[in-house]
Every structure is written in C-alpha cells, then in structure tokens.
Amino acid sequence: INQNVDHPVSLYAATKKANELMAHTYSHLYRLPTTG
C-alpha cells in the first residue's frame, strides 16, 4: 500500500485509483473516516 500507483494500465484501474484520491479529499476536508 506504500508503493506508487500512478501508472494504471486500464481505465478500470484508473477509476479505482481516482476513488482513493476522492476519498482522501473528503477525509481531509470533512474529517470523514474512509477506508479503501
């Protein structure tokens, strides 16, 4: 989980990475606890 994941090889993977980033934004801005 501590490795870089900035090189997806499918759109499916890209959307899942995007979900992790979107969740982090809400955890940061609104202190919403999220776990991926």
Full PDB file with SEQRES, HELIX, SHEET, SSBOND, CRYST1, ORIGX, SCALE, CONECT and MASTER records, all heavy atoms in Angstrom:
SEQRES   1 A   36  ILE ASN GLN ASN VAL ASP HIS PRO VAL SER LEU TYR ALA          
SEQRES   2 A   36  ALA THR LYS LYS ALA ASN GLU LEU MET ALA HIS THR TYR          
SEQRES   3 A   36  SER HIS LEU TYR ARG LEU PRO THR THR GLY                      
HELIX    1 AA1 LEU A   11  TYR A   30  1                                  20    
CRYST1    1.000    1.000    1.000  90.00  90.00  90.00 P 1           1          
ORIGX1      1.000000  0.000000  0.000000        0.00000                         
ORIGX2      0.000000  1.000000  0.000000        0.00000                         
ORIGX3      0.000000  0.000000  1.000000        0.00000                         
SCALE1      1.000000  0.000000  0.000000        0.00000                         
SCALE2      0.000000  1.000000  0.000000        0.00000                         
SCALE3      0.000000  0.000000  1.000000        0.00000                         
ATOM      1  N   ILE A   1       0.822  -1.215   0.000  1.00  0.00           N  
ATOM      2  CA  ILE A   1       0.000   0.000   0.000  1.00  0.00           C  
ATOM      3  C   ILE A   1       0.854   1.263   0.000  1.00  0.00           C  
ATOM      4  O   ILE A   1       0.355   2.349  -0.310  1.00  0.00           O  
ATOM      5  CB  ILE A   1      -0.967   0.035   1.207  1.00  0.00           C  
ATOM      6  CG1 ILE A   1      -0.198  -0.064   2.526  1.00  0.00           C  
ATOM      7  CG2 ILE A   1      -2.029  -1.047   1.074  1.00  0.00           C  
ATOM      8  CD1 ILE A   1      -1.045   0.215   3.752  1.00  0.00           C  
ATOM      9  N   ASN A   2       2.129   1.138   0.321  1.00  0.00           N  
ATOM     10  CA  ASN A   2       3.006   2.310   0.351  1.00  0.00           C  
ATOM     11  C   ASN A   2       3.789   2.507  -0.947  1.00  0.00           C  
ATOM     12  O   ASN A   2       4.634   3.401  -1.034  1.00  0.00           O  
ATOM     13  CB  ASN A   2       3.964   2.216   1.540  1.00  0.00           C  
ATOM     14  CG  ASN A   2       3.241   2.426   2.860  1.00  0.00           C  
ATOM     15  OD1 ASN A   2       2.485   3.392   3.010  1.00  0.00           O  
ATOM     16  ND2 ASN A   2       3.435   1.522   3.809  1.00  0.00           N  
ATOM     17  N   GLN A   3       3.499   1.699  -1.958  1.00  0.00           N  
ATOM     18  CA  GLN A   3       4.143   1.872  -3.255  1.00  0.00           C  
ATOM     19  C   GLN A   3       3.380   2.868  -4.120  1.00  0.00           C  
ATOM     20  O   GLN A   3       2.182   3.113  -3.925  1.00  0.00           O  
ATOM     21  CB  GLN A   3       4.226   0.522  -3.979  1.00  0.00           C  
ATOM     22  CG  GLN A   3       5.183  -0.469  -3.345  1.00  0.00           C  
ATOM     23  CD  GLN A   3       5.068  -1.855  -3.955  1.00  0.00           C  
ATOM     24  OE1 GLN A   3       4.196  -2.116  -4.776  1.00  0.00           O  
ATOM     25  NE2 GLN A   3       5.949  -2.751  -3.535  1.00  0.00           N  
ATOM     26  N   ASN A   4       4.070   3.408  -5.099  1.00  0.00           N  
ATOM     27  CA  ASN A   4       3.463   4.320  -6.063  1.00  0.00           C  
ATOM     28  C   ASN A   4       2.491   3.564  -6.973  1.00  0.00           C  
ATOM     29  O   ASN A   4       2.806   2.470  -7.449  1.00  0.00           O  
ATOM     30  CB  ASN A   4       4.571   4.966  -6.898  1.00  0.00           C  
ATOM     31  CG  ASN A   4       4.033   5.935  -7.936  1.00  0.00           C  
ATOM     32  OD1 ASN A   4       3.460   5.523  -8.930  1.00  0.00           O  
ATOM     33  ND2 ASN A   4       4.229   7.217  -7.706  1.00  0.00           N  
ATOM     34  N   VAL A   5       1.323   4.143  -7.186  1.00  0.00           N  
ATOM     35  CA  VAL A   5       0.335   3.516  -8.080  1.00  0.00           C  
ATOM     36  C   VAL A   5      -0.146   4.536  -9.114  1.00  0.00           C  
ATOM     37  O   VAL A   5      -1.335   4.644  -9.383  1.00  0.00           O  
ATOM     38  CB  VAL A   5      -0.857   2.915  -7.293  1.00  0.00           C  
ATOM     39  CG1 VAL A   5      -0.438   1.691  -6.515  1.00  0.00           C  
ATOM     40  CG2 VAL A   5      -1.486   3.937  -6.365  1.00  0.00           C  
ATOM     41  N   ASP A   6       0.779   5.241  -9.693  1.00  0.00           N  
ATOM     42  CA  ASP A   6       0.448   6.297 -10.654  1.00  0.00           C  
ATOM     43  C   ASP A   6       0.503   5.839 -12.105  1.00  0.00           C  
ATOM     44  O   ASP A   6       0.468   6.678 -13.011  1.00  0.00           O  
ATOM     45  CB  ASP A   6       1.395   7.487 -10.477  1.00  0.00           C  
ATOM     46  CG  ASP A   6       1.117   8.257  -9.197  1.00  0.00           C  
ATOM     47  OD1 ASP A   6      -0.024   8.157  -8.693  1.00  0.00           O  
ATOM     48  OD2 ASP A   6       2.018   8.952  -8.710  1.00  0.00           O  
ATOM     49  N   HIS A   7       0.599   4.529 -12.343  1.00  0.00           N  
ATOM     50  CA  HIS A   7       0.712   4.049 -13.724  1.00  0.00           C  
ATOM     51  C   HIS A   7      -0.284   2.933 -14.007  1.00  0.00           C  
ATOM     52  O   HIS A   7       0.102   1.772 -14.244  1.00  0.00           O  
ATOM     53  CB  HIS A   7       2.151   3.593 -14.003  1.00  0.00           C  
ATOM     54  CG  HIS A   7       3.157   4.688 -13.834  1.00  0.00           C  
ATOM     55  ND1 HIS A   7       3.742   4.981 -12.617  1.00  0.00           N  
ATOM     56  CD2 HIS A   7       3.642   5.589 -14.720  1.00  0.00           C  
ATOM     57  CE1 HIS A   7       4.570   6.010 -12.769  1.00  0.00           C  
ATOM     58  NE2 HIS A   7       4.522   6.397 -14.038  1.00  0.00           N  
ATOM     59  N   PRO A   8      -1.582   3.244 -14.000  1.00  0.00           N  
ATOM     60  CA  PRO A   8      -2.587   2.222 -14.302  1.00  0.00           C  
ATOM     61  C   PRO A   8      -2.481   1.778 -15.751  1.00  0.00           C  
ATOM     62  O   PRO A   8      -2.026   2.526 -16.622  1.00  0.00           O  
ATOM     63  CB  PRO A   8      -3.915   2.944 -14.036  1.00  0.00           C  
ATOM     64  CG  PRO A   8      -3.599   4.400 -14.228  1.00  0.00           C  
ATOM     65  CD  PRO A   8      -2.189   4.573 -13.751  1.00  0.00           C  
ATOM     66  N   VAL A   9      -2.918   0.536 -16.021  1.00  0.00           N  
ATOM     67  CA  VAL A   9      -2.878   0.022 -17.385  1.00  0.00           C  
ATOM     68  C   VAL A   9      -4.279  -0.303 -17.909  1.00  0.00           C  
ATOM     69  O   VAL A   9      -4.420  -0.942 -18.958  1.00  0.00           O  
ATOM     70  CB  VAL A   9      -1.959  -1.221 -17.489  1.00  0.00           C  
ATOM     71  CG1 VAL A   9      -0.519  -0.840 -17.186  1.00  0.00           C  
ATOM     72  CG2 VAL A   9      -2.428  -2.353 -16.590  1.00  0.00           C  
ATOM     73  N   SER A  10      -5.312   0.133 -17.201  1.00  0.00           N  
ATOM     74  CA  SER A  10      -6.690   0.011 -17.685  1.00  0.00           C  
ATOM     75  C   SER A  10      -7.498   1.160 -17.104  1.00  0.00           C  
ATOM     76  O   SER A  10      -7.153   1.723 -16.055  1.00  0.00           O  
ATOM     77  CB  SER A  10      -7.320  -1.327 -17.256  1.00  0.00           C  
ATOM     78  OG  SER A  10      -7.549  -1.360 -15.857  1.00  0.00           O  
ATOM     79  N   LEU A  11      -8.579   1.517 -17.792  1.00  0.00           N  
ATOM     80  CA  LEU A  11      -9.449   2.577 -17.279  1.00  0.00           C  
ATOM     81  C   LEU A  11     -10.100   2.146 -15.971  1.00  0.00           C  
ATOM     82  O   LEU A  11     -10.295   2.968 -15.066  1.00  0.00           O  
ATOM     83  CB  LEU A  11     -10.514   2.939 -18.310  1.00  0.00           C  
ATOM     84  CG  LEU A  11     -11.447   4.088 -17.891  1.00  0.00           C  
ATOM     85  CD1 LEU A  11     -10.663   5.382 -17.711  1.00  0.00           C  
ATOM     86  CD2 LEU A  11     -12.565   4.272 -18.903  1.00  0.00           C  
ATOM     87  N   TYR A  12     -10.430   0.865 -15.858  1.00  0.00           N  
ATOM     88  CA  TYR A  12     -10.985   0.357 -14.599  1.00  0.00           C  
ATOM     89  C   TYR A  12     -10.052   0.679 -13.440  1.00  0.00           C  
ATOM     90  O   TYR A  12     -10.472   1.202 -12.409  1.00  0.00           O  
ATOM     91  CB  TYR A  12     -11.212  -1.150 -14.702  1.00  0.00           C  
ATOM     92  CG  TYR A  12     -11.540  -1.807 -13.382  1.00  0.00           C  
ATOM     93  CD1 TYR A  12     -12.751  -1.554 -12.741  1.00  0.00           C  
ATOM     94  CD2 TYR A  12     -10.637  -2.681 -12.778  1.00  0.00           C  
ATOM     95  CE1 TYR A  12     -13.047  -2.165 -11.526  1.00  0.00           C  
ATOM     96  CE2 TYR A  12     -10.936  -3.282 -11.569  1.00  0.00           C  
ATOM     97  CZ  TYR A  12     -12.134  -3.022 -10.947  1.00  0.00           C  
ATOM     98  OH  TYR A  12     -12.428  -3.611  -9.738  1.00  0.00           O  
ATOM     99  N   ALA A  13      -8.762   0.377 -13.605  1.00  0.00           N  
ATOM    100  CA  ALA A  13      -7.786   0.657 -12.559  1.00  0.00           C  
ATOM    101  C   ALA A  13      -7.703   2.155 -12.278  1.00  0.00           C  
ATOM    102  O   ALA A  13      -7.592   2.576 -11.118  1.00  0.00           O  
ATOM    103  CB  ALA A  13      -6.420   0.116 -12.959  1.00  0.00           C  
ATOM    104  N   ALA A  14      -7.756   2.963 -13.324  1.00  0.00           N  
ATOM    105  CA  ALA A  14      -7.683   4.415 -13.144  1.00  0.00           C  
ATOM    106  C   ALA A  14      -8.854   4.928 -12.317  1.00  0.00           C  
ATOM    107  O   ALA A  14      -8.695   5.829 -11.476  1.00  0.00           O  
ATOM    108  CB  ALA A  14      -7.637   5.113 -14.500  1.00  0.00           C  
ATOM    109  N   THR A  15     -10.051   4.366 -12.529  1.00  0.00           N  
ATOM    110  CA  THR A  15     -11.203   4.823 -11.747  1.00  0.00           C  
ATOM    111  C   THR A  15     -11.061   4.423 -10.282  1.00  0.00           C  
ATOM    112  O   THR A  15     -11.483   5.162  -9.384  1.00  0.00           O  
ATOM    113  CB  THR A  15     -12.527   4.271 -12.309  1.00  0.00           C  
ATOM    114  OG1 THR A  15     -12.563   2.841 -12.224  1.00  0.00           O  
ATOM    115  CG2 THR A  15     -12.747   4.714 -13.742  1.00  0.00           C  
ATOM    116  N   LYS A  16     -10.464   3.258 -10.031  1.00  0.00           N  
ATOM    117  CA  LYS A  16     -10.285   2.836  -8.642  1.00  0.00           C  
ATOM    118  C   LYS A  16      -9.237   3.696  -7.937  1.00  0.00           C  
ATOM    119  O   LYS A  16      -9.384   4.028  -6.757  1.00  0.00           O  
ATOM    120  CB  LYS A  16      -9.906   1.347  -8.595  1.00  0.00           C  
ATOM    121  CG  LYS A  16     -11.050   0.421  -8.970  1.00  0.00           C  
ATOM    122  CD  LYS A  16     -12.224   0.576  -8.014  1.00  0.00           C  
ATOM    123  CE  LYS A  16     -13.322  -0.418  -8.247  1.00  0.00           C  
ATOM    124  NZ  LYS A  16     -14.437  -0.287  -7.272  1.00  0.00           N  
ATOM    125  N   LYS A  17      -8.165   4.048  -8.632  1.00  0.00           N  
ATOM    126  CA  LYS A  17      -7.181   4.973  -8.060  1.00  0.00           C  
ATOM    127  C   LYS A  17      -7.847   6.332  -7.797  1.00  0.00           C  
ATOM    128  O   LYS A  17      -7.616   6.966  -6.760  1.00  0.00           O  
ATOM    129  CB  LYS A  17      -5.994   5.134  -9.015  1.00  0.00           C  
ATOM    130  CG  LYS A  17      -5.023   6.266  -8.654  1.00  0.00           C  
ATOM    131  CD  LYS A  17      -4.324   6.038  -7.324  1.00  0.00           C  
ATOM    132  CE  LYS A  17      -3.470   7.238  -6.909  1.00  0.00           C  
ATOM    133  NZ  LYS A  17      -2.328   7.515  -7.775  1.00  0.00           N  
ATOM    134  N   ALA A  18      -8.694   6.769  -8.725  1.00  0.00           N  
ATOM    135  CA  ALA A  18      -9.413   8.028  -8.539  1.00  0.00           C  
ATOM    136  C   ALA A  18     -10.295   7.980  -7.291  1.00  0.00           C  
ATOM    137  O   ALA A  18     -10.399   8.965  -6.546  1.00  0.00           O  
ATOM    138  CB  ALA A  18     -10.253   8.346  -9.773  1.00  0.00           C  
ATOM    139  N   ASN A  19     -10.927   6.841  -7.047  1.00  0.00           N  
ATOM    140  CA  ASN A  19     -11.750   6.690  -5.841  1.00  0.00           C  
ATOM    141  C   ASN A  19     -10.930   6.905  -4.579  1.00  0.00           C  
ATOM    142  O   ASN A  19     -11.383   7.564  -3.629  1.00  0.00           O  
ATOM    143  CB  ASN A  19     -12.394   5.312  -5.796  1.00  0.00           C  
ATOM    144  CG  ASN A  19     -13.517   5.113  -6.783  1.00  0.00           C  
ATOM    145  OD1 ASN A  19     -13.993   4.006  -6.978  1.00  0.00           O  
ATOM    146  ND2 ASN A  19     -13.947   6.171  -7.465  1.00  0.00           N  
ATOM    147  N   GLU A  20      -9.720   6.354  -4.556  1.00  0.00           N  
ATOM    148  CA  GLU A  20      -8.864   6.524  -3.385  1.00  0.00           C  
ATOM    149  C   GLU A  20      -8.524   8.000  -3.169  1.00  0.00           C  
ATOM    150  O   GLU A  20      -8.512   8.494  -2.030  1.00  0.00           O  
ATOM    151  CB  GLU A  20      -7.592   5.694  -3.550  1.00  0.00           C  
ATOM    152  CG  GLU A  20      -7.845   4.200  -3.593  1.00  0.00           C  
ATOM    153  CD  GLU A  20      -6.595   3.371  -3.868  1.00  0.00           C  
ATOM    154  OE1 GLU A  20      -5.511   3.972  -4.023  1.00  0.00           O  
ATOM    155  OE2 GLU A  20      -6.699   2.127  -3.906  1.00  0.00           O  
ATOM    156  N   LEU A  21      -8.256   8.711  -4.252  1.00  0.00           N  
ATOM    157  CA  LEU A  21      -7.931  10.136  -4.153  1.00  0.00           C  
ATOM    158  C   LEU A  21      -9.153  10.958  -3.741  1.00  0.00           C  
ATOM    159  O   LEU A  21      -9.044  11.882  -2.920  1.00  0.00           O  
ATOM    160  CB  LEU A  21      -7.397  10.640  -5.497  1.00  0.00           C  
ATOM    161  CG  LEU A  21      -6.091  10.018  -5.990  1.00  0.00           C  
ATOM    162  CD1 LEU A  21      -5.768  10.511  -7.393  1.00  0.00           C  
ATOM    163  CD2 LEU A  21      -4.951  10.339  -5.041  1.00  0.00           C  
ATOM    164  N   MET A  22     -10.304  10.627  -4.294  1.00  0.00           N  
ATOM    165  CA  MET A  22     -11.530  11.341  -3.938  1.00  0.00           C  
ATOM    166  C   MET A  22     -11.853  11.128  -2.456  1.00  0.00           C  
ATOM    167  O   MET A  22     -12.229  12.068  -1.744  1.00  0.00           O  
ATOM    168  CB  MET A  22     -12.690  10.858  -4.809  1.00  0.00           C  
ATOM    169  CG  MET A  22     -12.531  11.209  -6.288  1.00  0.00           C  
ATOM    170  SD  MET A  22     -13.585  10.200  -7.367  1.00  0.00           S  
ATOM    171  CE  MET A  22     -15.207  10.890  -6.981  1.00  0.00           C  
ATOM    172  N   ALA A  23     -11.696   9.886  -1.996  1.00  0.00           N  
ATOM    173  CA  ALA A  23     -11.963   9.597  -0.584  1.00  0.00           C  
ATOM    174  C   ALA A  23     -11.008  10.378   0.310  1.00  0.00           C  
ATOM    175  O   ALA A  23     -11.419  10.922   1.352  1.00  0.00           O  
ATOM    176  CB  ALA A  23     -11.828   8.095  -0.325  1.00  0.00           C  
ATOM    177  N   HIS A  24      -9.743  10.444  -0.083  1.00  0.00           N  
ATOM    178  CA  HIS A  24      -8.786  11.194   0.745  1.00  0.00           C  
ATOM    179  C   HIS A  24      -9.179  12.662   0.848  1.00  0.00           C  
ATOM    180  O   HIS A  24      -9.068  13.281   1.922  1.00  0.00           O  
ATOM    181  CB  HIS A  24      -7.365  11.081   0.191  1.00  0.00           C  
ATOM    182  CG  HIS A  24      -6.355  11.722   1.090  1.00  0.00           C  
ATOM    183  ND1 HIS A  24      -6.031  13.069   1.016  1.00  0.00           N  
ATOM    184  CD2 HIS A  24      -5.631  11.225   2.122  1.00  0.00           C  
ATOM    185  CE1 HIS A  24      -5.135  13.358   1.946  1.00  0.00           C  
ATOM    186  NE2 HIS A  24      -4.883  12.255   2.631  1.00  0.00           N  
ATOM    187  N   THR A  25      -9.640  13.222  -0.246  1.00  0.00           N  
ATOM    188  CA  THR A  25     -10.064  14.627  -0.225  1.00  0.00           C  
ATOM    189  C   THR A  25     -11.179  14.847   0.790  1.00  0.00           C  
ATOM    190  O   THR A  25     -11.150  15.812   1.566  1.00  0.00           O  
ATOM    191  CB  THR A  25     -10.535  15.056  -1.625  1.00  0.00           C  
ATOM    192  OG1 THR A  25      -9.480  14.853  -2.559  1.00  0.00           O  
ATOM    193  CG2 THR A  25     -10.923  16.526  -1.631  1.00  0.00           C  
ATOM    194  N   TYR A  26     -12.160  13.950   0.814  1.00  0.00           N  
ATOM    195  CA  TYR A  26     -13.273  14.098   1.767  1.00  0.00           C  
ATOM    196  C   TYR A  26     -12.808  13.819   3.196  1.00  0.00           C  
ATOM    197  O   TYR A  26     -13.294  14.454   4.136  1.00  0.00           O  
ATOM    198  CB  TYR A  26     -14.437  13.186   1.359  1.00  0.00           C  
ATOM    199  CG  TYR A  26     -15.365  13.856   0.379  1.00  0.00           C  
ATOM    200  CD1 TYR A  26     -14.938  14.177  -0.903  1.00  0.00           C  
ATOM    201  CD2 TYR A  26     -16.669  14.208   0.740  1.00  0.00           C  
ATOM    202  CE1 TYR A  26     -15.773  14.811  -1.813  1.00  0.00           C  
ATOM    203  CE2 TYR A  26     -17.522  14.843  -0.154  1.00  0.00           C  
ATOM    204  CZ  TYR A  26     -17.066  15.142  -1.424  1.00  0.00           C  
ATOM    205  OH  TYR A  26     -17.899  15.785  -2.313  1.00  0.00           O  
ATOM    206  N   SER A  27     -11.890  12.900   3.363  1.00  0.00           N  
ATOM    207  CA  SER A  27     -11.345  12.654   4.702  1.00  0.00           C  
ATOM    208  C   SER A  27     -10.585  13.882   5.206  1.00  0.00           C  
ATOM    209  O   SER A  27     -10.669  14.240   6.380  1.00  0.00           O  
ATOM    210  CB  SER A  27     -10.415  11.432   4.678  1.00  0.00           C  
ATOM    211  OG  SER A  27     -11.127  10.259   4.384  1.00  0.00           O  
ATOM    212  N   HIS A  28      -9.864  14.524   4.304  1.00  0.00           N  
ATOM    213  CA  HIS A  28      -9.090  15.711   4.674  1.00  0.00           C  
ATOM    214  C   HIS A  28      -9.994  16.916   4.929  1.00  0.00           C  
ATOM    215  O   HIS A  28      -9.855  17.603   5.957  1.00  0.00           O  
ATOM    216  CB  HIS A  28      -8.091  16.040   3.566  1.00  0.00           C  
ATOM    217  CG  HIS A  28      -7.380  17.333   3.759  1.00  0.00           C  
ATOM    218  ND1 HIS A  28      -6.362  17.499   4.682  1.00  0.00           N  
ATOM    219  CD2 HIS A  28      -7.551  18.551   3.172  1.00  0.00           C  
ATOM    220  CE1 HIS A  28      -5.934  18.748   4.650  1.00  0.00           C  
ATOM    221  NE2 HIS A  28      -6.639  19.411   3.740  1.00  0.00           N  
ATOM    222  N   LEU A  29     -10.918  17.187   4.027  1.00  0.00           N  
ATOM    223  CA  LEU A  29     -11.741  18.395   4.130  1.00  0.00           C  
ATOM    224  C   LEU A  29     -12.804  18.294   5.213  1.00  0.00           C  
ATOM    225  O   LEU A  29     -13.073  19.269   5.926  1.00  0.00           O  
ATOM    226  CB  LEU A  29     -12.422  18.673   2.786  1.00  0.00           C  
ATOM    227  CG  LEU A  29     -11.532  19.119   1.631  1.00  0.00           C  
ATOM    228  CD1 LEU A  29     -12.355  19.218   0.345  1.00  0.00           C  
ATOM    229  CD2 LEU A  29     -10.885  20.470   1.948  1.00  0.00           C  
ATOM    230  N   TYR A  30     -13.430  17.125   5.333  1.00  0.00           N  
ATOM    231  CA  TYR A  30     -14.603  16.979   6.197  1.00  0.00           C  
ATOM    232  C   TYR A  30     -14.368  16.014   7.352  1.00  0.00           C  
ATOM    233  O   TYR A  30     -15.305  15.748   8.124  1.00  0.00           O  
ATOM    234  CB  TYR A  30     -15.805  16.519   5.367  1.00  0.00           C  
ATOM    235  CG  TYR A  30     -16.049  17.385   4.154  1.00  0.00           C  
ATOM    236  CD1 TYR A  30     -15.869  16.877   2.870  1.00  0.00           C  
ATOM    237  CD2 TYR A  30     -16.425  18.723   4.282  1.00  0.00           C  
ATOM    238  CE1 TYR A  30     -16.076  17.673   1.745  1.00  0.00           C  
ATOM    239  CE2 TYR A  30     -16.637  19.521   3.168  1.00  0.00           C  
ATOM    240  CZ  TYR A  30     -16.455  18.990   1.908  1.00  0.00           C  
ATOM    241  OH  TYR A  30     -16.656  19.787   0.795  1.00  0.00           O  
ATOM    242  N   ARG A  31     -13.156  15.510   7.481  1.00  0.00           N  
ATOM    243  CA  ARG A  31     -12.817  14.526   8.527  1.00  0.00           C  
ATOM    244  C   ARG A  31     -13.732  13.310   8.467  1.00  0.00           C  
ATOM    245  O   ARG A  31     -14.059  12.702   9.495  1.00  0.00           O  
ATOM    246  CB  ARG A  31     -12.847  15.159   9.922  1.00  0.00           C  
ATOM    247  CG  ARG A  31     -12.109  16.467  10.052  1.00  0.00           C  
ATOM    248  CD  ARG A  31     -10.731  16.461   9.411  1.00  0.00           C  
ATOM    249  NE  ARG A  31      -9.752  15.638  10.134  1.00  0.00           N  
ATOM    250  CZ  ARG A  31      -8.493  15.464   9.720  1.00  0.00           C  
ATOM    251  NH1 ARG A  31      -8.074  16.021   8.587  1.00  0.00           N  
ATOM    252  NH2 ARG A  31      -7.681  14.707  10.430  1.00  0.00           N  
ATOM    253  N   LEU A  32     -14.155  12.948   7.272  1.00  0.00           N  
ATOM    254  CA  LEU A  32     -14.956  11.752   7.060  1.00  0.00           C  
ATOM    255  C   LEU A  32     -14.029  10.544   7.066  1.00  0.00           C  
ATOM    256  O   LEU A  32     -13.164  10.419   6.199  1.00  0.00           O  
ATOM    257  CB  LEU A  32     -15.697  11.834   5.719  1.00  0.00           C  
ATOM    258  CG  LEU A  32     -16.375  10.539   5.233  1.00  0.00           C  
ATOM    259  CD1 LEU A  32     -17.524  10.157   6.159  1.00  0.00           C  
ATOM    260  CD2 LEU A  32     -16.857  10.692   3.784  1.00  0.00           C  
ATOM    261  N   PRO A  33     -14.164   9.628   8.020  1.00  0.00           N  
ATOM    262  CA  PRO A  33     -13.309   8.437   8.018  1.00  0.00           C  
ATOM    263  C   PRO A  33     -13.612   7.539   6.819  1.00  0.00           C  
ATOM    264  O   PRO A  33     -14.771   7.150   6.602  1.00  0.00           O  
ATOM    265  CB  PRO A  33     -13.666   7.735   9.335  1.00  0.00           C  
ATOM    266  CG  PRO A  33     -14.252   8.813  10.197  1.00  0.00           C  
ATOM    267  CD  PRO A  33     -15.000   9.699   9.244  1.00  0.00           C  
ATOM    268  N   THR A  34     -12.597   7.250   6.022  1.00  0.00           N  
ATOM    269  CA  THR A  34     -12.767   6.383   4.858  1.00  0.00           C  
ATOM    270  C   THR A  34     -11.645   5.349   4.809  1.00  0.00           C  
ATOM    271  O   THR A  34     -10.502   5.651   5.162  1.00  0.00           O  
ATOM    272  CB  THR A  34     -12.756   7.175   3.536  1.00  0.00           C  
ATOM    273  OG1 THR A  34     -11.455   7.732   3.317  1.00  0.00           O  
ATOM    274  CG2 THR A  34     -13.791   8.296   3.543  1.00  0.00           C  
ATOM    275  N   THR A  35     -11.988   4.151   4.363  1.00  0.00           N  
ATOM    276  CA  THR A  35     -11.001   3.080   4.188  1.00  0.00           C  
ATOM    277  C   THR A  35     -11.219   2.409   2.846  1.00  0.00           C  
ATOM    278  O   THR A  35     -12.325   1.936   2.553  1.00  0.00           O  
ATOM    279  CB  THR A  35     -11.095   2.029   5.310  1.00  0.00           C  
ATOM    280  OG1 THR A  35     -10.908   2.652   6.578  1.00  0.00           O  
ATOM    281  CG2 THR A  35     -10.024   0.954   5.118  1.00  0.00           C  
ATOM    282  N   GLY A  36     -10.169   2.357   2.041  1.00  0.00           N  
ATOM    283  CA  GLY A  36     -10.224   1.689   0.747  1.00  0.00           C  
ATOM    284  C   GLY A  36      -9.598   0.307   0.831  1.00  0.00           C  
ATOM    285  O   GLY A  36      -8.555   0.120   1.468  1.00  0.00           O  
TER     286      GLY A  36                                                      
MASTER        0    0    0    1    0    0    0    6  285    1    0    3          
END                                                                             
